[in-house]
Amino acid sequence: MLLSDVFSDMFTDMFSTPMLGRPEPSRPHSLMSCDVEEFDDHYTIDMELAGFRKEDIKAELKDGYLTIKAERAAKSDEQSTGRVLRSERFVGSCQRTFYVGDQVRQEDVTAAFENGVLRLSIPKIVEQPKVDESHYIAIQ
């Protein structure tokens, strides 16, 4: 093991500890881990959203950017009279954004949520090179 690995591990552990007892993880992107695959005619994004319900997830396409937002509200369990000693489950919202191109339309993107994984399919849109066209004005 290299000395640099020891320091790297030490700093990773030090900064991964939640500060001030906050329940959210120090790396919110780990809540939305994803795999992106490229195929001949499309891309797929598999995003882990464990613990979220389908109703908690929103996907928006705007100006060529695909944004996935997920929100989980605090559990309001009024029947529990016990004192919470530790709460590590994430409460709040998180989002990830991907640039998919200006040519992609909302109806081209498909999404399915199953077993805590959101699968998005985005078609590859081949941009046509712009042709320089001359537009002449008729002189009278």
N, C-alpha and C. Protein backbone atom coordinates (compact mmCIF):
# COMPACT_ATOMS: atom_id res chain seq x y z
N MET A 1 0.85 -1.18 0.00
CA MET A 1 0.00 0.00 0.00
C MET A 1 0.89 1.24 0.00
N LEU A 2 0.58 2.14 -0.88
CA LEU A 2 1.35 3.36 -0.98
C LEU A 2 0.94 4.35 0.11
N LEU A 3 1.87 5.22 0.47
CA LEU A 3 1.58 6.23 1.47
C LEU A 3 0.46 7.15 1.00
N SER A 4 0.43 7.44 -0.30
CA SER A 4 -0.63 8.30 -0.82
C SER A 4 -2.01 7.65 -0.66
N ASP A 5 -2.07 6.31 -0.74
CA ASP A 5 -3.34 5.60 -0.53
C ASP A 5 -3.81 5.75 0.91
N VAL A 6 -2.88 5.72 1.86
CA VAL A 6 -3.24 5.87 3.27
C VAL A 6 -3.86 7.24 3.50
N PHE A 7 -3.21 8.29 2.98
CA PHE A 7 -3.75 9.64 3.14
C PHE A 7 -5.07 9.80 2.41
N SER A 8 -5.18 9.20 1.23
CA SER A 8 -6.42 9.28 0.48
C SER A 8 -7.56 8.65 1.26
N ASP A 9 -7.32 7.46 1.82
CA ASP A 9 -8.35 6.78 2.61
C ASP A 9 -8.70 7.58 3.85
N MET A 10 -7.70 8.17 4.49
CA MET A 10 -7.93 8.94 5.71
C MET A 10 -8.83 10.14 5.40
N PHE A 11 -8.52 10.87 4.33
CA PHE A 11 -9.32 12.03 3.99
C PHE A 11 -10.71 11.64 3.50
N THR A 12 -10.81 10.52 2.80
CA THR A 12 -12.13 10.04 2.35
C THR A 12 -12.99 9.74 3.56
N ASP A 13 -12.44 9.02 4.54
CA ASP A 13 -13.19 8.70 5.75
C ASP A 13 -13.56 9.96 6.52
N MET A 14 -12.62 10.90 6.60
CA MET A 14 -12.85 12.11 7.37
C MET A 14 -13.99 12.93 6.76
N PHE A 15 -14.00 13.06 5.43
CA PHE A 15 -15.01 13.89 4.80
C PHE A 15 -16.31 13.15 4.52
N SER A 16 -16.34 11.84 4.69
CA SER A 16 -17.58 11.10 4.45
C SER A 16 -18.44 11.01 5.70
N THR A 17 -17.95 11.47 6.84
CA THR A 17 -18.72 11.45 8.07
C THR A 17 -19.72 12.60 8.06
N PRO A 18 -20.99 12.32 8.28
CA PRO A 18 -21.98 13.40 8.30
C PRO A 18 -21.64 14.41 9.38
N MET A 19 -21.74 15.67 9.04
CA MET A 19 -21.42 16.74 9.99
C MET A 19 -22.67 17.12 10.78
N LEU A 20 -22.49 17.44 12.02
CA LEU A 20 -23.54 17.97 12.88
C LEU A 20 -24.76 17.07 12.99
N GLY A 21 -24.56 15.76 12.82
CA GLY A 21 -25.65 14.82 12.98
C GLY A 21 -26.70 14.88 11.89
N ARG A 22 -26.40 15.51 10.77
CA ARG A 22 -27.38 15.59 9.67
C ARG A 22 -27.56 14.20 9.08
N PRO A 23 -28.79 13.80 8.76
CA PRO A 23 -29.03 12.45 8.27
C PRO A 23 -28.66 12.23 6.82
N GLU A 24 -28.54 13.30 6.01
CA GLU A 24 -28.25 13.08 4.61
C GLU A 24 -26.80 12.68 4.41
N PRO A 25 -26.51 11.86 3.41
CA PRO A 25 -25.15 11.44 3.15
C PRO A 25 -24.30 12.61 2.68
N SER A 26 -23.01 12.50 2.88
CA SER A 26 -22.13 13.59 2.47
C SER A 26 -21.94 13.61 0.97
N ARG A 27 -22.27 12.52 0.30
CA ARG A 27 -22.18 12.46 -1.16
C ARG A 27 -23.56 12.18 -1.72
N PRO A 28 -24.37 13.24 -1.95
CA PRO A 28 -25.73 12.99 -2.42
C PRO A 28 -25.79 12.31 -3.78
N HIS A 29 -24.73 12.44 -4.60
CA HIS A 29 -24.77 11.78 -5.90
C HIS A 29 -24.80 10.26 -5.75
N SER A 30 -24.39 9.75 -4.59
CA SER A 30 -24.43 8.31 -4.40
C SER A 30 -25.87 7.81 -4.30
N LEU A 31 -26.82 8.71 -4.03
CA LEU A 31 -28.22 8.32 -4.00
C LEU A 31 -28.75 8.03 -5.40
N MET A 32 -28.12 8.62 -6.40
CA MET A 32 -28.60 8.50 -7.77
C MET A 32 -27.50 7.92 -8.66
N SER A 33 -26.88 6.85 -8.21
CA SER A 33 -25.84 6.21 -9.00
C SER A 33 -26.43 5.72 -10.30
N CYS A 34 -25.68 5.85 -11.38
CA CYS A 34 -26.25 5.44 -12.66
C CYS A 34 -25.20 4.82 -13.58
N ASP A 35 -25.70 4.04 -14.51
CA ASP A 35 -24.91 3.45 -15.59
C ASP A 35 -25.46 4.01 -16.89
N VAL A 36 -24.57 4.45 -17.78
CA VAL A 36 -24.97 4.96 -19.08
C VAL A 36 -24.37 4.04 -20.13
N GLU A 37 -25.23 3.52 -21.01
CA GLU A 37 -24.78 2.64 -22.08
C GLU A 37 -25.13 3.24 -23.43
N GLU A 38 -24.25 3.02 -24.40
CA GLU A 38 -24.48 3.50 -25.76
C GLU A 38 -24.74 2.32 -26.68
N PHE A 39 -25.77 2.45 -27.49
CA PHE A 39 -26.10 1.46 -28.50
C PHE A 39 -26.06 2.14 -29.87
N ASP A 40 -26.32 1.40 -30.93
CA ASP A 40 -26.26 1.97 -32.27
C ASP A 40 -27.22 3.14 -32.46
N ASP A 41 -28.44 3.02 -31.93
CA ASP A 41 -29.44 4.04 -32.20
C ASP A 41 -29.96 4.77 -30.96
N HIS A 42 -29.47 4.39 -29.77
CA HIS A 42 -29.95 5.05 -28.55
C HIS A 42 -28.96 4.89 -27.41
N TYR A 43 -29.24 5.63 -26.32
CA TYR A 43 -28.51 5.51 -25.06
C TYR A 43 -29.50 5.02 -24.01
N THR A 44 -28.99 4.30 -23.01
CA THR A 44 -29.83 3.97 -21.85
C THR A 44 -29.13 4.47 -20.59
N ILE A 45 -29.94 4.92 -19.66
CA ILE A 45 -29.46 5.34 -18.35
C ILE A 45 -30.22 4.50 -17.34
N ASP A 46 -29.49 3.74 -16.53
CA ASP A 46 -30.08 3.00 -15.42
C ASP A 46 -29.66 3.71 -14.14
N MET A 47 -30.64 4.26 -13.43
CA MET A 47 -30.35 5.06 -12.24
C MET A 47 -30.96 4.41 -11.01
N GLU A 48 -30.12 4.19 -9.99
CA GLU A 48 -30.61 3.60 -8.74
C GLU A 48 -31.33 4.65 -7.92
N LEU A 49 -32.56 4.34 -7.57
CA LEU A 49 -33.37 5.21 -6.73
C LEU A 49 -34.06 4.37 -5.66
N ALA A 50 -33.27 3.59 -4.94
CA ALA A 50 -33.81 2.70 -3.92
C ALA A 50 -34.51 3.51 -2.84
N GLY A 51 -35.68 3.04 -2.44
CA GLY A 51 -36.43 3.69 -1.38
C GLY A 51 -37.37 4.78 -1.87
N PHE A 52 -37.26 5.15 -3.13
CA PHE A 52 -38.17 6.15 -3.70
C PHE A 52 -39.36 5.44 -4.34
N ARG A 53 -40.49 6.11 -4.37
CA ARG A 53 -41.66 5.61 -5.08
C ARG A 53 -41.72 6.27 -6.44
N LYS A 54 -42.42 5.65 -7.35
CA LYS A 54 -42.55 6.19 -8.71
C LYS A 54 -43.13 7.61 -8.67
N GLU A 55 -44.03 7.87 -7.75
CA GLU A 55 -44.66 9.18 -7.63
C GLU A 55 -43.68 10.26 -7.16
N ASP A 56 -42.58 9.85 -6.55
CA ASP A 56 -41.59 10.79 -6.02
C ASP A 56 -40.57 11.24 -7.06
N ILE A 57 -40.64 10.68 -8.27
CA ILE A 57 -39.62 10.91 -9.29
C ILE A 57 -40.21 11.72 -10.44
N LYS A 58 -39.47 12.72 -10.87
CA LYS A 58 -39.88 13.55 -12.01
C LYS A 58 -38.72 13.61 -13.01
N ALA A 59 -39.05 13.50 -14.28
CA ALA A 59 -38.07 13.63 -15.36
C ALA A 59 -38.50 14.78 -16.25
N GLU A 60 -37.58 15.72 -16.50
CA GLU A 60 -37.90 16.90 -17.30
C GLU A 60 -36.86 17.08 -18.39
N LEU A 61 -37.33 17.37 -19.59
CA LEU A 61 -36.45 17.66 -20.72
C LEU A 61 -36.65 19.12 -21.10
N LYS A 62 -35.57 19.90 -21.00
CA LYS A 62 -35.66 21.32 -21.30
C LYS A 62 -34.35 21.80 -21.89
N ASP A 63 -34.41 22.43 -23.05
CA ASP A 63 -33.24 23.01 -23.72
C ASP A 63 -32.11 22.00 -23.92
N GLY A 64 -32.47 20.76 -24.21
CA GLY A 64 -31.47 19.73 -24.46
C GLY A 64 -30.93 19.06 -23.22
N TYR A 65 -31.41 19.42 -22.04
CA TYR A 65 -30.95 18.83 -20.78
C TYR A 65 -32.06 17.98 -20.17
N LEU A 66 -31.72 16.76 -19.82
CA LEU A 66 -32.64 15.85 -19.15
C LEU A 66 -32.32 15.87 -17.66
N THR A 67 -33.28 16.30 -16.85
CA THR A 67 -33.08 16.41 -15.41
C THR A 67 -33.99 15.42 -14.70
N ILE A 68 -33.41 14.61 -13.84
CA ILE A 68 -34.15 13.65 -13.03
C ILE A 68 -34.13 14.17 -11.60
N LYS A 69 -35.31 14.35 -11.02
CA LYS A 69 -35.44 14.82 -9.64
C LYS A 69 -36.18 13.77 -8.83
N ALA A 70 -35.72 13.55 -7.61
CA ALA A 70 -36.39 12.62 -6.71
C ALA A 70 -36.49 13.29 -5.34
N GLU A 71 -37.63 13.12 -4.70
CA GLU A 71 -37.85 13.75 -3.41
C GLU A 71 -38.50 12.76 -2.46
N ARG A 72 -37.97 12.73 -1.25
CA ARG A 72 -38.53 11.85 -0.22
C ARG A 72 -38.84 12.70 1.01
N ALA A 73 -40.09 12.67 1.44
CA ALA A 73 -40.52 13.45 2.59
C ALA A 73 -40.23 12.69 3.88
N ALA A 74 -40.17 13.44 4.96
CA ALA A 74 -39.95 12.83 6.27
C ALA A 74 -41.15 11.97 6.63
N LYS A 75 -40.88 10.84 7.24
CA LYS A 75 -41.95 9.94 7.65
C LYS A 75 -42.63 10.52 8.88
N SER A 76 -43.91 10.75 8.76
CA SER A 76 -44.65 11.32 9.90
C SER A 76 -45.39 10.19 10.60
N ASP A 77 -44.69 9.54 11.48
CA ASP A 77 -45.25 8.41 12.22
C ASP A 77 -45.61 8.90 13.62
N GLU A 78 -46.84 9.36 13.77
CA GLU A 78 -47.26 9.95 15.03
C GLU A 78 -47.47 8.89 16.12
N GLN A 79 -47.58 7.63 15.75
CA GLN A 79 -47.85 6.60 16.74
C GLN A 79 -46.60 6.17 17.48
N SER A 80 -45.43 6.48 16.95
CA SER A 80 -44.20 6.10 17.62
C SER A 80 -43.94 7.04 18.80
N THR A 81 -43.74 6.46 19.96
CA THR A 81 -43.44 7.27 21.14
C THR A 81 -41.99 7.12 21.55
N GLY A 82 -41.25 6.32 20.78
CA GLY A 82 -39.86 6.09 21.11
C GLY A 82 -38.97 7.27 20.72
N ARG A 83 -37.82 7.33 21.33
CA ARG A 83 -36.85 8.38 21.05
C ARG A 83 -35.92 7.89 19.94
N VAL A 84 -35.74 8.69 18.89
CA VAL A 84 -34.88 8.31 17.79
C VAL A 84 -33.43 8.46 18.23
N LEU A 85 -32.68 7.37 18.17
CA LEU A 85 -31.27 7.40 18.55
C LEU A 85 -30.37 7.70 17.37
N ARG A 86 -30.78 7.25 16.20
CA ARG A 86 -29.98 7.48 15.00
C ARG A 86 -30.91 7.39 13.79
N SER A 87 -30.77 8.34 12.88
CA SER A 87 -31.58 8.33 11.67
C SER A 87 -30.64 8.55 10.49
N GLU A 88 -30.48 7.53 9.66
CA GLU A 88 -29.55 7.60 8.54
C GLU A 88 -30.25 7.61 7.20
N ARG A 89 -31.54 7.41 7.17
CA ARG A 89 -32.25 7.38 5.90
C ARG A 89 -32.37 8.79 5.36
N PHE A 90 -32.20 8.91 4.05
CA PHE A 90 -32.21 10.20 3.39
C PHE A 90 -33.61 10.79 3.35
N VAL A 91 -33.71 12.05 3.72
CA VAL A 91 -34.95 12.80 3.61
C VAL A 91 -34.59 14.10 2.90
N GLY A 92 -35.28 14.38 1.81
CA GLY A 92 -35.00 15.59 1.06
C GLY A 92 -35.14 15.32 -0.43
N SER A 93 -34.45 16.14 -1.23
CA SER A 93 -34.53 15.95 -2.67
C SER A 93 -33.13 15.92 -3.27
N CYS A 94 -33.03 15.29 -4.43
CA CYS A 94 -31.77 15.22 -5.14
C CYS A 94 -32.08 15.22 -6.64
N GLN A 95 -31.08 15.58 -7.42
CA GLN A 95 -31.30 15.61 -8.87
C GLN A 95 -30.00 15.40 -9.61
N ARG A 96 -30.13 14.91 -10.84
CA ARG A 96 -29.00 14.75 -11.77
C ARG A 96 -29.46 15.27 -13.11
N THR A 97 -28.52 15.86 -13.85
CA THR A 97 -28.83 16.43 -15.16
C THR A 97 -27.85 15.89 -16.19
N PHE A 98 -28.38 15.55 -17.36
CA PHE A 98 -27.58 15.03 -18.47
C PHE A 98 -27.89 15.84 -19.71
N TYR A 99 -26.87 16.20 -20.47
CA TYR A 99 -27.11 16.86 -21.75
C TYR A 99 -27.37 15.77 -22.78
N VAL A 100 -28.54 15.83 -23.43
CA VAL A 100 -28.92 14.81 -24.41
C VAL A 100 -29.03 15.38 -25.82
N GLY A 101 -28.90 16.68 -25.96
CA GLY A 101 -28.94 17.31 -27.28
C GLY A 101 -30.21 18.10 -27.50
N ASP A 102 -30.09 19.15 -28.29
CA ASP A 102 -31.23 20.02 -28.57
C ASP A 102 -32.27 19.36 -29.46
N GLN A 103 -31.89 18.34 -30.19
CA GLN A 103 -32.80 17.71 -31.15
C GLN A 103 -33.75 16.69 -30.50
N VAL A 104 -33.44 16.25 -29.30
CA VAL A 104 -34.27 15.23 -28.62
C VAL A 104 -35.55 15.89 -28.13
N ARG A 105 -36.68 15.23 -28.40
CA ARG A 105 -37.99 15.72 -27.97
C ARG A 105 -38.51 14.86 -26.82
N GLN A 106 -39.42 15.41 -26.06
CA GLN A 106 -39.98 14.72 -24.90
C GLN A 106 -40.58 13.37 -25.29
N GLU A 107 -41.30 13.31 -26.39
CA GLU A 107 -41.95 12.07 -26.79
C GLU A 107 -40.96 11.00 -27.26
N ASP A 108 -39.70 11.38 -27.50
CA ASP A 108 -38.68 10.42 -27.93
C ASP A 108 -38.08 9.65 -26.75
N VAL A 109 -38.18 10.20 -25.55
CA VAL A 109 -37.57 9.60 -24.36
C VAL A 109 -38.58 8.69 -23.68
N THR A 110 -38.15 7.47 -23.34
CA THR A 110 -39.02 6.56 -22.59
C THR A 110 -38.41 6.30 -21.23
N ALA A 111 -39.26 6.07 -20.23
CA ALA A 111 -38.80 5.84 -18.87
C ALA A 111 -39.65 4.77 -18.22
N ALA A 112 -39.00 3.90 -17.43
CA ALA A 112 -39.70 2.87 -16.67
C ALA A 112 -39.02 2.75 -15.31
N PHE A 113 -39.82 2.53 -14.27
CA PHE A 113 -39.30 2.40 -12.91
C PHE A 113 -39.70 1.06 -12.35
N GLU A 114 -38.70 0.23 -12.02
CA GLU A 114 -38.97 -1.10 -11.52
C GLU A 114 -37.88 -1.52 -10.54
N ASN A 115 -38.30 -2.03 -9.39
CA ASN A 115 -37.37 -2.53 -8.37
C ASN A 115 -36.32 -1.51 -7.97
N GLY A 116 -36.71 -0.24 -7.85
CA GLY A 116 -35.79 0.80 -7.40
C GLY A 116 -34.83 1.30 -8.45
N VAL A 117 -35.02 0.91 -9.71
CA VAL A 117 -34.14 1.35 -10.80
C VAL A 117 -34.99 2.06 -11.86
N LEU A 118 -34.58 3.29 -12.18
CA LEU A 118 -35.21 4.05 -13.24
C LEU A 118 -34.41 3.82 -14.51
N ARG A 119 -35.08 3.32 -15.55
CA ARG A 119 -34.41 3.07 -16.84
C ARG A 119 -34.96 4.07 -17.86
N LEU A 120 -34.05 4.86 -18.41
CA LEU A 120 -34.39 5.84 -19.44
C LEU A 120 -33.76 5.42 -20.75
N SER A 121 -34.49 5.60 -21.83
CA SER A 121 -33.97 5.32 -23.15
C SER A 121 -34.06 6.61 -23.97
N ILE A 122 -32.91 7.06 -24.46
CA ILE A 122 -32.83 8.32 -25.21
C ILE A 122 -32.30 8.01 -26.60
N PRO A 123 -33.04 8.37 -27.64
CA PRO A 123 -32.56 8.06 -28.99
C PRO A 123 -31.37 8.92 -29.37
N LYS A 124 -30.53 8.38 -30.24
CA LYS A 124 -29.44 9.16 -30.81
C LYS A 124 -30.02 9.95 -31.96
N ILE A 125 -29.82 11.21 -31.92
CA ILE A 125 -30.29 12.08 -33.00
C ILE A 125 -29.05 12.58 -33.72
N VAL A 126 -28.96 12.23 -35.00
CA VAL A 126 -27.82 12.67 -35.79
C VAL A 126 -28.14 14.05 -36.34
N GLU A 127 -27.35 15.00 -35.92
CA GLU A 127 -27.57 16.36 -36.39
C GLU A 127 -27.09 16.48 -37.83
N GLN A 128 -27.95 17.06 -38.64
CA GLN A 128 -27.60 17.27 -40.03
C GLN A 128 -26.72 18.52 -40.11
N PRO A 129 -25.64 18.44 -40.89
CA PRO A 129 -24.80 19.62 -41.02
C PRO A 129 -25.58 20.74 -41.70
N LYS A 130 -25.36 21.94 -41.20
CA LYS A 130 -26.05 23.08 -41.77
C LYS A 130 -25.48 23.39 -43.14
N VAL A 131 -26.39 23.62 -44.06
CA VAL A 131 -25.99 23.95 -45.42
C VAL A 131 -26.09 25.46 -45.57
N ASP A 132 -24.99 26.05 -46.05
CA ASP A 132 -25.03 27.49 -46.29
C ASP A 132 -25.94 27.76 -47.46
N GLU A 133 -27.00 28.44 -47.18
CA GLU A 133 -27.95 28.78 -48.22
C GLU A 133 -27.91 30.28 -48.43
N SER A 134 -27.86 30.66 -49.67
CA SER A 134 -27.91 32.08 -49.99
C SER A 134 -29.36 32.45 -50.26
N HIS A 135 -29.77 33.49 -49.65
CA HIS A 135 -31.12 34.00 -49.87
C HIS A 135 -31.00 35.36 -50.54
N TYR A 136 -31.41 35.39 -51.79
CA TYR A 136 -31.31 36.63 -52.55
C TYR A 136 -32.59 37.42 -52.41
N ILE A 137 -32.43 38.70 -52.37
CA ILE A 137 -33.57 39.61 -52.29
C ILE A 137 -33.84 40.13 -53.68
N ALA A 138 -35.07 40.01 -54.08
CA ALA A 138 -35.44 40.48 -55.42
C ALA A 138 -35.40 42.00 -55.46
N ILE A 139 -34.75 42.52 -56.44
CA ILE A 139 -34.64 43.98 -56.61
C ILE A 139 -35.67 44.40 -57.65
N GLN A 140 -36.47 45.38 -57.35
CA GLN A 140 -37.53 45.84 -58.26
C GLN A 140 -37.15 47.13 -58.92
